[in-house]
Amino acid sequence: MDAKRGNWVIIHNIVLESSQRAPQVPDDTKLHPLEMWVKGFIEEDANIGELVNIKTITGRNVSGKLLKVEPYYEHDYGKCIPELLQIGLQARNILFGGEENER
């Protein structure tokens, strides 16, 4: 089993197929289904890809396809940009007169 009862998981569900989208939705949006991803505590042991039930932090019961066990944020803010470091130093100088004027 990939997930044991009580594990923190993320599930995926299709809320509306593209054919079920509201008529006022823009055409390029209508081409895609409305999807949701929800995190919560799994209610039963399961494997990735299975339909499962979870209980969210707020107490909602939601079902969907199990995607990950113990999900975490994988994004970052990219590589260091030296020019931005210089801008910060210049701004400190302009606004406060440099390091020697800081308390």
PDB file of N, CA and C in Angstrom:
ATOM      1  N   MET A   1       0.837  -1.187   0.000  1.00  0.00           N
ATOM      2  CA  MET A   1       0.000   0.000   0.000  1.00  0.00           C
ATOM      3  C   MET A   1       0.880   1.248   0.000  1.00  0.00           C
ATOM      4  N   ASP A   2       0.530   2.198  -0.860  1.00  0.00           N
ATOM      5  CA  ASP A   2       1.264   3.463  -0.901  1.00  0.00           C
ATOM      6  C   ASP A   2       0.853   4.382   0.244  1.00  0.00           C
ATOM      7  N   ALA A   3      -0.432   4.360   0.597  1.00  0.00           N
ATOM      8  CA  ALA A   3      -0.943   5.234   1.656  1.00  0.00           C
ATOM      9  C   ALA A   3      -1.660   4.407   2.710  1.00  0.00           C
ATOM     10  N   LYS A   4      -1.369   4.732   3.947  1.00  0.00           N
ATOM     11  CA  LYS A   4      -2.039   4.078   5.077  1.00  0.00           C
ATOM     12  C   LYS A   4      -3.087   5.025   5.641  1.00  0.00           C
ATOM     13  N   ARG A   5      -4.118   4.448   6.230  1.00  0.00           N
ATOM     14  CA  ARG A   5      -5.183   5.247   6.836  1.00  0.00           C
ATOM     15  C   ARG A   5      -4.577   6.306   7.749  1.00  0.00           C
ATOM     16  N   GLY A   6      -5.007   7.568   7.569  1.00  0.00           N
ATOM     17  CA  GLY A   6      -4.517   8.667   8.379  1.00  0.00           C
ATOM     18  C   GLY A   6      -3.373   9.451   7.765  1.00  0.00           C
ATOM     19  N   ASN A   7      -2.774   8.939   6.663  1.00  0.00           N
ATOM     20  CA  ASN A   7      -1.699   9.688   5.990  1.00  0.00           C
ATOM     21  C   ASN A   7      -2.251  10.971   5.371  1.00  0.00           C
ATOM     22  N   TRP A   8      -1.406  11.999   5.319  1.00  0.00           N
ATOM     23  CA  TRP A   8      -1.719  13.246   4.625  1.00  0.00           C
ATOM     24  C   TRP A   8      -1.484  13.008   3.137  1.00  0.00           C
ATOM     25  N   VAL A   9      -2.505  13.257   2.314  1.00  0.00           N
ATOM     26  CA  VAL A   9      -2.429  12.961   0.884  1.00  0.00           C
ATOM     27  C   VAL A   9      -3.038  14.089   0.065  1.00  0.00           C
ATOM     28  N   ILE A  10      -2.836  13.999  -1.246  1.00  0.00           N
ATOM     29  CA  ILE A  10      -3.514  14.906  -2.169  1.00  0.00           C
ATOM     30  C   ILE A  10      -4.268  14.060  -3.184  1.00  0.00           C
ATOM     31  N   ILE A  11      -5.496  14.477  -3.477  1.00  0.00           N
ATOM     32  CA  ILE A  11      -6.325  13.775  -4.453  1.00  0.00           C
ATOM     33  C   ILE A  11      -6.676  14.724  -5.593  1.00  0.00           C
ATOM     34  N   HIS A  12      -7.138  14.151  -6.684  1.00  0.00           N
ATOM     35  CA  HIS A  12      -7.539  14.909  -7.870  1.00  0.00           C
ATOM     36  C   HIS A  12      -8.922  14.451  -8.281  1.00  0.00           C
ATOM     37  N   ASN A  13      -9.698  15.392  -8.788  1.00  0.00           N
ATOM     38  CA  ASN A  13     -11.052  15.071  -9.217  1.00  0.00           C
ATOM     39  C   ASN A  13     -11.443  16.000 -10.361  1.00  0.00           C
ATOM     40  N   ILE A  14     -12.190  15.489 -11.322  1.00  0.00           N
ATOM     41  CA  ILE A  14     -12.770  16.318 -12.385  1.00  0.00           C
ATOM     42  C   ILE A  14     -14.138  16.768 -11.883  1.00  0.00           C
ATOM     43  N   VAL A  15     -14.298  18.074 -11.704  1.00  0.00           N
ATOM     44  CA  VAL A  15     -15.565  18.623 -11.213  1.00  0.00           C
ATOM     45  C   VAL A  15     -16.576  18.704 -12.348  1.00  0.00           C
ATOM     46  N   LEU A  16     -16.149  19.254 -13.480  1.00  0.00           N
ATOM     47  CA  LEU A  16     -17.007  19.362 -14.665  1.00  0.00           C
ATOM     48  C   LEU A  16     -16.193  19.004 -15.903  1.00  0.00           C
ATOM     49  N   GLU A  17     -16.755  18.175 -16.750  1.00  0.00           N
ATOM     50  CA  GLU A  17     -16.133  17.910 -18.048  1.00  0.00           C
ATOM     51  C   GLU A  17     -16.257  19.170 -18.895  1.00  0.00           C
ATOM     52  N   SER A  18     -15.429  19.291 -19.922  1.00  0.00           N
ATOM     53  CA  SER A  18     -15.468  20.505 -20.737  1.00  0.00           C
ATOM     54  C   SER A  18     -16.844  20.750 -21.352  1.00  0.00           C
ATOM     55  N   SER A  19     -17.566  19.691 -21.679  1.00  0.00           N
ATOM     56  CA  SER A  19     -18.912  19.847 -22.262  1.00  0.00           C
ATOM     57  C   SER A  19     -19.931  20.355 -21.245  1.00  0.00           C
ATOM     58  N   GLN A  20     -19.621  20.281 -19.971  1.00  0.00           N
ATOM     59  CA  GLN A  20     -20.542  20.712 -18.917  1.00  0.00           C
ATOM     60  C   GLN A  20     -20.263  22.128 -18.421  1.00  0.00           C
ATOM     61  N   ARG A  21     -19.234  22.778 -18.975  1.00  0.00           N
ATOM     62  CA  ARG A  21     -18.869  24.117 -18.508  1.00  0.00           C
ATOM     63  C   ARG A  21     -19.963  25.119 -18.849  1.00  0.00           C
ATOM     64  N   ALA A  22     -20.084  26.166 -18.058  1.00  0.00           N
ATOM     65  CA  ALA A  22     -21.107  27.199 -18.249  1.00  0.00           C
ATOM     66  C   ALA A  22     -20.915  27.914 -19.589  1.00  0.00           C
ATOM     67  N   PRO A  23     -22.003  28.367 -20.209  1.00  0.00           N
ATOM     68  CA  PRO A  23     -21.902  29.007 -21.526  1.00  0.00           C
ATOM     69  C   PRO A  23     -21.100  30.311 -21.508  1.00  0.00           C
ATOM     70  N   GLN A  24     -21.060  31.023 -20.395  1.00  0.00           N
ATOM     71  CA  GLN A  24     -20.347  32.303 -20.335  1.00  0.00           C
ATOM     72  C   GLN A  24     -18.829  32.147 -20.124  1.00  0.00           C
ATOM     73  N   VAL A  25     -18.376  30.915 -19.936  1.00  0.00           N
ATOM     74  CA  VAL A  25     -16.941  30.667 -19.773  1.00  0.00           C
ATOM     75  C   VAL A  25     -16.250  30.930 -21.104  1.00  0.00           C
ATOM     76  N   PRO A  26     -15.091  31.600 -21.102  1.00  0.00           N
ATOM     77  CA  PRO A  26     -14.382  31.874 -22.367  1.00  0.00           C
ATOM     78  C   PRO A  26     -14.104  30.601 -23.148  1.00  0.00           C
ATOM     79  N   ASP A  27     -14.089  30.714 -24.466  1.00  0.00           N
ATOM     80  CA  ASP A  27     -13.932  29.548 -25.343  1.00  0.00           C
ATOM     81  C   ASP A  27     -12.666  28.744 -25.053  1.00  0.00           C
ATOM     82  N   ASP A  28     -11.543  29.430 -24.810  1.00  0.00           N
ATOM     83  CA  ASP A  28     -10.312  28.688 -24.557  1.00  0.00           C
ATOM     84  C   ASP A  28     -10.374  27.935 -23.225  1.00  0.00           C
ATOM     85  N   THR A  29     -11.166  28.447 -22.289  1.00  0.00           N
ATOM     86  CA  THR A  29     -11.336  27.765 -21.001  1.00  0.00           C
ATOM     87  C   THR A  29     -12.264  26.557 -21.147  1.00  0.00           C
ATOM     88  N   LYS A  30     -13.277  26.696 -21.988  1.00  0.00           N
ATOM     89  CA  LYS A  30     -14.236  25.606 -22.204  1.00  0.00           C
ATOM     90  C   LYS A  30     -13.589  24.347 -22.770  1.00  0.00           C
ATOM     91  N   LEU A  31     -12.420  24.496 -23.367  1.00  0.00           N
ATOM     92  CA  LEU A  31     -11.731  23.342 -23.948  1.00  0.00           C
ATOM     93  C   LEU A  31     -11.221  22.372 -22.891  1.00  0.00           C
ATOM     94  N   HIS A  32     -11.161  22.821 -21.639  1.00  0.00           N
ATOM     95  CA  HIS A  32     -10.569  22.016 -20.563  1.00  0.00           C
ATOM     96  C   HIS A  32     -11.593  21.734 -19.473  1.00  0.00           C
ATOM     97  N   PRO A  33     -11.496  20.581 -18.842  1.00  0.00           N
ATOM     98  CA  PRO A  33     -12.396  20.294 -17.725  1.00  0.00           C
ATOM     99  C   PRO A  33     -12.041  21.159 -16.512  1.00  0.00           C
ATOM    100  N   LEU A  34     -12.992  21.327 -15.623  1.00  0.00           N
ATOM    101  CA  LEU A  34     -12.754  22.012 -14.356  1.00  0.00           C
ATOM    102  C   LEU A  34     -12.252  20.955 -13.378  1.00  0.00           C
ATOM    103  N   GLU A  35     -11.041  21.153 -12.871  1.00  0.00           N
ATOM    104  CA  GLU A  35     -10.406  20.151 -12.022  1.00  0.00           C
ATOM    105  C   GLU A  35     -10.212  20.693 -10.615  1.00  0.00           C
ATOM    106  N   MET A  36     -10.071  19.783  -9.642  1.00  0.00           N
ATOM    107  CA  MET A  36      -9.743  20.203  -8.286  1.00  0.00           C
ATOM    108  C   MET A  36      -8.710  19.261  -7.689  1.00  0.00           C
ATOM    109  N   TRP A  37      -7.878  19.813  -6.860  1.00  0.00           N
ATOM    110  CA  TRP A  37      -6.890  19.060  -6.093  1.00  0.00           C
ATOM    111  C   TRP A  37      -7.148  19.416  -4.638  1.00  0.00           C
ATOM    112  N   VAL A  38      -7.240  18.413  -3.797  1.00  0.00           N
ATOM    113  CA  VAL A  38      -7.565  18.630  -2.385  1.00  0.00           C
ATOM    114  C   VAL A  38      -6.615  17.796  -1.528  1.00  0.00           C
ATOM    115  N   LYS A  39      -6.153  18.396  -0.420  1.00  0.00           N
ATOM    116  CA  LYS A  39      -5.311  17.679   0.529  1.00  0.00           C
ATOM    117  C   LYS A  39      -6.132  17.320   1.756  1.00  0.00           C
ATOM    118  N   GLY A  40      -5.796  16.183   2.344  1.00  0.00           N
ATOM    119  CA  GLY A  40      -6.481  15.769   3.559  1.00  0.00           C
ATOM    120  C   GLY A  40      -5.939  14.449   4.070  1.00  0.00           C
ATOM    121  N   PHE A  41      -6.594  13.923   5.092  1.00  0.00           N
ATOM    122  CA  PHE A  41      -6.193  12.659   5.700  1.00  0.00           C
ATOM    123  C   PHE A  41      -6.999  11.526   5.070  1.00  0.00           C
ATOM    124  N   ILE A  42      -6.290  10.525   4.562  1.00  0.00           N
ATOM    125  CA  ILE A  42      -6.957   9.430   3.862  1.00  0.00           C
ATOM    126  C   ILE A  42      -7.708   8.562   4.867  1.00  0.00           C
ATOM    127  N   GLU A  43      -8.864   8.092   4.451  1.00  0.00           N
ATOM    128  CA  GLU A  43      -9.738   7.330   5.342  1.00  0.00           C
ATOM    129  C   GLU A  43      -9.454   5.830   5.340  1.00  0.00           C
ATOM    130  N   GLU A  44      -8.747   5.323   4.303  1.00  0.00           N
ATOM    131  CA  GLU A  44      -8.470   3.890   4.219  1.00  0.00           C
ATOM    132  C   GLU A  44      -7.152   3.662   3.479  1.00  0.00           C
ATOM    133  N   ASP A  45      -6.528   2.507   3.680  1.00  0.00           N
ATOM    134  CA  ASP A  45      -5.301   2.175   2.961  1.00  0.00           C
ATOM    135  C   ASP A  45      -5.588   2.138   1.455  1.00  0.00           C
ATOM    136  N   ALA A  46      -4.642   2.619   0.654  1.00  0.00           N
ATOM    137  CA  ALA A  46      -4.858   2.643  -0.801  1.00  0.00           C
ATOM    138  C   ALA A  46      -3.536   2.779  -1.533  1.00  0.00           C
ATOM    139  N   ASN A  47      -3.595   2.559  -2.841  1.00  0.00           N
ATOM    140  CA  ASN A  47      -2.455   2.743  -3.729  1.00  0.00           C
ATOM    141  C   ASN A  47      -2.674   3.971  -4.594  1.00  0.00           C
ATOM    142  N   ILE A  48      -1.582   4.552  -5.072  1.00  0.00           N
ATOM    143  CA  ILE A  48      -1.657   5.697  -5.983  1.00  0.00           C
ATOM    144  C   ILE A  48      -2.542   5.321  -7.169  1.00  0.00           C
ATOM    145  N   GLY A  49      -3.422   6.234  -7.548  1.00  0.00           N
ATOM    146  CA  GLY A  49      -4.305   6.008  -8.687  1.00  0.00           C
ATOM    147  C   GLY A  49      -5.678   5.490  -8.318  1.00  0.00           C
ATOM    148  N   GLU A  50      -5.854   5.010  -7.089  1.00  0.00           N
ATOM    149  CA  GLU A  50      -7.154   4.487  -6.666  1.00  0.00           C
ATOM    150  C   GLU A  50      -8.074   5.618  -6.225  1.00  0.00           C
ATOM    151  N   LEU A  51      -9.383   5.362  -6.326  1.00  0.00           N
ATOM    152  CA  LEU A  51     -10.387   6.303  -5.835  1.00  0.00           C
ATOM    153  C   LEU A  51     -10.464   6.157  -4.328  1.00  0.00           C
ATOM    154  N   VAL A  52     -10.269   7.278  -3.609  1.00  0.00           N
ATOM    155  CA  VAL A  52     -10.229   7.240  -2.148  1.00  0.00           C
ATOM    156  C   VAL A  52     -11.086   8.346  -1.549  1.00  0.00           C
ATOM    157  N   ASN A  53     -11.338   8.238  -0.271  1.00  0.00           N
ATOM    158  CA  ASN A  53     -12.026   9.273   0.500  1.00  0.00           C
ATOM    159  C   ASN A  53     -11.035   9.886   1.468  1.00  0.00           C
ATOM    160  N   ILE A  54     -11.114  11.220   1.601  1.00  0.00           N
ATOM    161  CA  ILE A  54     -10.257  11.913   2.554  1.00  0.00           C
ATOM    162  C   ILE A  54     -11.101  12.829   3.426  1.00  0.00           C
ATOM    163  N   LYS A  55     -10.538  13.224   4.552  1.00  0.00           N
ATOM    164  CA  LYS A  55     -11.158  14.234   5.409  1.00  0.00           C
ATOM    165  C   LYS A  55     -10.185  15.400   5.458  1.00  0.00           C
ATOM    166  N   THR A  56     -10.645  16.587   5.071  1.00  0.00           N
ATOM    167  CA  THR A  56      -9.786  17.765   5.028  1.00  0.00           C
ATOM    168  C   THR A  56      -9.596  18.320   6.432  1.00  0.00           C
ATOM    169  N   ILE A  57      -8.684  19.266   6.544  1.00  0.00           N
ATOM    170  CA  ILE A  57      -8.435  19.941   7.824  1.00  0.00           C
ATOM    171  C   ILE A  57      -9.710  20.583   8.355  1.00  0.00           C
ATOM    172  N   THR A  58     -10.557  21.077   7.450  1.00  0.00           N
ATOM    173  CA  THR A  58     -11.795  21.735   7.873  1.00  0.00           C
ATOM    174  C   THR A  58     -12.938  20.750   8.117  1.00  0.00           C
ATOM    175  N   GLY A  59     -12.661  19.442   7.975  1.00  0.00           N
ATOM    176  CA  GLY A  59     -13.680  18.433   8.271  1.00  0.00           C
ATOM    177  C   GLY A  59     -14.530  17.999   7.094  1.00  0.00           C
ATOM    178  N   ARG A  60     -14.242  18.498   5.893  1.00  0.00           N
ATOM    179  CA  ARG A  60     -15.006  18.076   4.710  1.00  0.00           C
ATOM    180  C   ARG A  60     -14.590  16.677   4.297  1.00  0.00           C
ATOM    181  N   ASN A  61     -15.544  15.891   3.831  1.00  0.00           N
ATOM    182  CA  ASN A  61     -15.258  14.575   3.257  1.00  0.00           C
ATOM    183  C   ASN A  61     -15.284  14.713   1.743  1.00  0.00           C
ATOM    184  N   VAL A  62     -14.180  14.336   1.096  1.00  0.00           N
ATOM    185  CA  VAL A  62     -14.041  14.499  -0.348  1.00  0.00           C
ATOM    186  C   VAL A  62     -13.476  13.206  -0.916  1.00  0.00           C
ATOM    187  N   SER A  63     -13.919  12.855  -2.129  1.00  0.00           N
ATOM    188  CA  SER A  63     -13.360  11.669  -2.781  1.00  0.00           C
ATOM    189  C   SER A  63     -12.690  12.076  -4.083  1.00  0.00           C
ATOM    190  N   GLY A  64     -11.703  11.286  -4.474  1.00  0.00           N
ATOM    191  CA  GLY A  64     -10.981  11.552  -5.713  1.00  0.00           C
ATOM    192  C   GLY A  64      -9.873  10.533  -5.896  1.00  0.00           C
ATOM    193  N   LYS A  65      -9.125  10.688  -6.975  1.00  0.00           N
ATOM    194  CA  LYS A  65      -8.036   9.772  -7.300  1.00  0.00           C
ATOM    195  C   LYS A  65      -6.790  10.161  -6.497  1.00  0.00           C
ATOM    196  N   LEU A  66      -6.219   9.200  -5.807  1.00  0.00           N
ATOM    197  CA  LEU A  66      -5.035   9.438  -4.988  1.00  0.00           C
ATOM    198  C   LEU A  66      -3.831   9.764  -5.877  1.00  0.00           C
ATOM    199  N   LEU A  67      -3.211  10.941  -5.635  1.00  0.00           N
ATOM    200  CA  LEU A  67      -2.050  11.357  -6.426  1.00  0.00           C
ATOM    201  C   LEU A  67      -0.735  11.181  -5.681  1.00  0.00           C
ATOM    202  N   LYS A  68      -0.656  11.675  -4.450  1.00  0.00           N
ATOM    203  CA  LYS A  68       0.603  11.648  -3.702  1.00  0.00           C
ATOM    204  C   LYS A  68       0.333  11.449  -2.220  1.00  0.00           C
ATOM    205  N   VAL A  69       1.293  10.817  -1.569  1.00  0.00           N
ATOM    206  CA  VAL A  69       1.273  10.677  -0.119  1.00  0.00           C
ATOM    207  C   VAL A  69       2.251  11.691   0.453  1.00  0.00           C
ATOM    208  N   GLU A  70       1.833  12.385   1.498  1.00  0.00           N
ATOM    209  CA  GLU A  70       2.633  13.434   2.133  1.00  0.00           C
ATOM    210  C   GLU A  70       3.165  14.438   1.112  1.00  0.00           C
ATOM    211  N   PRO A  71       2.258  15.130   0.393  1.00  0.00           N
ATOM    212  CA  PRO A  71       2.679  16.094  -0.625  1.00  0.00           C
ATOM    213  C   PRO A  71       3.359  17.308   0.021  1.00  0.00           C
ATOM    214  N   TYR A  72       4.207  17.960  -0.748  1.00  0.00           N
ATOM    215  CA  TYR A  72       4.881  19.168  -0.284  1.00  0.00           C
ATOM    216  C   TYR A  72       5.080  20.086  -1.480  1.00  0.00           C
ATOM    217  N   TYR A  73       5.339  21.356  -1.185  1.00  0.00           N
ATOM    218  CA  TYR A  73       5.560  22.328  -2.246  1.00  0.00           C
ATOM    219  C   TYR A  73       6.919  22.090  -2.873  1.00  0.00           C
ATOM    220  N   GLU A  74       6.962  22.048  -4.190  1.00  0.00           N
ATOM    221  CA  GLU A  74       8.193  21.773  -4.906  1.00  0.00           C
ATOM    222  C   GLU A  74       8.688  22.983  -5.693  1.00  0.00           C
ATOM    223  N   HIS A  75       8.034  24.124  -5.553  1.00  0.00           N
ATOM    224  CA  HIS A  75       8.428  25.296  -6.340  1.00  0.00           C
ATOM    225  C   HIS A  75       9.561  26.057  -5.645  1.00  0.00           C
ATOM    226  N   ASP A  76      10.196  26.916  -6.403  1.00  0.00           N
ATOM    227  CA  ASP A  76      11.175  27.829  -5.828  1.00  0.00           C
ATOM    228  C   ASP A  76      11.050  29.158  -6.570  1.00  0.00           C
ATOM    229  N   TYR A  77      11.909  30.085  -6.235  1.00  0.00           N
ATOM    230  CA  TYR A  77      11.831  31.409  -6.846  1.00  0.00           C
ATOM    231  C   TYR A  77      12.921  31.622  -7.890  1.00  0.00           C
ATOM    232  N   GLY A  78      13.509  30.535  -8.358  1.00  0.00           N
ATOM    233  CA  GLY A  78      14.494  30.631  -9.422  1.00  0.00           C
ATOM    234  C   GLY A  78      15.894  30.923  -8.911  1.00  0.00           C
ATOM    235  N   LYS A  79      16.788  31.136  -9.855  1.00  0.00           N
ATOM    236  CA  LYS A  79      18.189  31.378  -9.529  1.00  0.00           C
ATOM    237  C   LYS A  79      18.409  32.801  -9.036  1.00  0.00           C
ATOM    238  N   CYS A  80      19.499  32.975  -8.349  1.00  0.00           N
ATOM    239  CA  CYS A  80      19.884  34.301  -7.852  1.00  0.00           C
ATOM    240  C   CYS A  80      20.109  35.249  -9.035  1.00  0.00           C
ATOM    241  N   ILE A  81      19.620  36.474  -8.895  1.00  0.00           N
ATOM    242  CA  ILE A  81      19.817  37.496  -9.926  1.00  0.00           C
ATOM    243  C   ILE A  81      20.666  38.592  -9.293  1.00  0.00           C
ATOM    244  N   PRO A  82      21.964  38.624  -9.621  1.00  0.00           N
ATOM    245  CA  PRO A  82      22.874  39.579  -8.982  1.00  0.00           C
ATOM    246  C   PRO A  82      22.431  41.038  -9.099  1.00  0.00           C
ATOM    247  N   GLU A  83      21.810  41.387 -10.218  1.00  0.00           N
ATOM    248  CA  GLU A  83      21.355  42.772 -10.399  1.00  0.00           C
ATOM    249  C   GLU A  83      20.338  43.167  -9.333  1.00  0.00           C
ATOM    250  N   LEU A  84      19.486  42.219  -8.924  1.00  0.00           N
ATOM    251  CA  LEU A  84      18.494  42.528  -7.892  1.00  0.00           C
ATOM    252  C   LEU A  84      19.149  42.739  -6.536  1.00  0.00           C
ATOM    253  N   LEU A  85      20.236  42.036  -6.271  1.00  0.00           N
ATOM    254  CA  LEU A  85      20.957  42.254  -5.019  1.00  0.00           C
ATOM    255  C   LEU A  85      21.497  43.680  -4.969  1.00  0.00           C
ATOM    256  N   GLN A  86      22.022  44.142  -6.093  1.00  0.00           N
ATOM    257  CA  GLN A  86      22.563  45.505  -6.158  1.00  0.00           C
ATOM    258  C   GLN A  86      21.465  46.544  -5.982  1.00  0.00           C
ATOM    259  N   ILE A  87      20.300  46.278  -6.546  1.00  0.00           N
ATOM    260  CA  ILE A  87      19.175  47.213  -6.402  1.00  0.00           C
ATOM    261  C   ILE A  87      18.819  47.358  -4.927  1.00  0.00           C
ATOM    262  N   GLY A  88      18.810  46.240  -4.185  1.00  0.00           N
ATOM    263  CA  GLY A  88      18.501  46.304  -2.758  1.00  0.00           C
ATOM    264  C   GLY A  88      19.500  47.154  -1.997  1.00  0.00           C
ATOM    265  N   LEU A  89      20.780  47.002  -2.316  1.00  0.00           N
ATOM    266  CA  LEU A  89      21.817  47.805  -1.655  1.00  0.00           C
ATOM    267  C   LEU A  89      21.678  49.285  -2.010  1.00  0.00           C
ATOM    268  N   GLN A  90      21.393  49.561  -3.286  1.00  0.00           N
ATOM    269  CA  GLN A  90      21.220  50.948  -3.723  1.00  0.00           C
ATOM    270  C   GLN A  90      20.009  51.577  -3.049  1.00  0.00           C
ATOM    271  N   ALA A  91      18.918  50.827  -2.939  1.00  0.00           N
ATOM    272  CA  ALA A  91      17.708  51.350  -2.308  1.00  0.00           C
ATOM    273  C   ALA A  91      17.977  51.688  -0.836  1.00  0.00           C
ATOM    274  N   ARG A  92      18.710  50.839  -0.148  1.00  0.00           N
ATOM    275  CA  ARG A  92      19.036  51.108   1.255  1.00  0.00           C
ATOM    276  C   ARG A  92      19.839  52.417   1.362  1.00  0.00           C
ATOM    277  N   ASN A  93      20.783  52.590   0.448  1.00  0.00           N
ATOM    278  CA  ASN A  93      21.585  53.814   0.440  1.00  0.00           C
ATOM    279  C   ASN A  93      20.725  55.050   0.212  1.00  0.00           C
ATOM    280  N   ILE A  94      19.848  54.975  -0.781  1.00  0.00           N
ATOM    281  CA  ILE A  94      19.003  56.119  -1.135  1.00  0.00           C
ATOM    282  C   ILE A  94      18.027  56.435  -0.003  1.00  0.00           C
ATOM    283  N   LEU A  95      17.390  55.427   0.551  1.00  0.00           N
ATOM    284  CA  LEU A  95      16.345  55.650   1.554  1.00  0.00           C
ATOM    285  C   LEU A  95      16.883  55.965   2.942  1.00  0.00           C
ATOM    286  N   PHE A  96      17.972  55.315   3.325  1.00  0.00           N
ATOM    287  CA  PHE A  96      18.425  55.429   4.705  1.00  0.00           C
ATOM    288  C   PHE A  96      19.848  55.955   4.842  1.00  0.00           C
ATOM    289  N   GLY A  97      20.485  56.261   3.750  1.00  0.00           N
ATOM    290  CA  GLY A  97      21.840  56.782   3.830  1.00  0.00           C
ATOM    291  C   GLY A  97      22.902  55.705   4.012  1.00  0.00           C
ATOM    292  N   GLY A  98      22.558  54.460   3.766  1.00  0.00           N
ATOM    293  CA  GLY A  98      23.543  53.381   3.861  1.00  0.00           C
ATOM    294  C   GLY A  98      23.560  52.710   5.218  1.00  0.00           C
ATOM    295  N   GLU A  99      24.432  51.714   5.346  1.00  0.00           N
ATOM    296  CA  GLU A  99      24.527  50.898   6.560  1.00  0.00           C
ATOM    297  C   GLU A  99      24.885  51.712   7.789  1.00  0.00           C
ATOM    298  N   GLU A 100      25.758  52.700   7.623  1.00  0.00           N
ATOM    299  CA  GLU A 100      26.230  53.454   8.798  1.00  0.00           C
ATOM    300  C   GLU A 100      25.112  54.235   9.485  1.00  0.00           C
ATOM    301  N   ASN A 101      23.968  54.451   8.797  1.00  0.00           N
ATOM    302  CA  ASN A 101      22.855  55.192   9.399  1.00  0.00           C
ATOM    303  C   ASN A 101      21.787  54.270  10.004  1.00  0.00           C
ATOM    304  N   GLU A 102      22.005  52.967   9.946  1.00  0.00           N
ATOM    305  CA  GLU A 102      21.038  52.027  10.533  1.00  0.00           C
ATOM    306  C   GLU A 102      21.309  51.889  12.013  1.00  0.00           C
ATOM    307  N   ARG A 103      20.293  51.682  12.797  1.00  0.00           N
ATOM    308  CA  ARG A 103      20.472  51.534  14.250  1.00  0.00           C
ATOM    309  C   ARG A 103      20.460  50.107  14.626  1.00  0.00           C
TER     310      ARG A 103
END
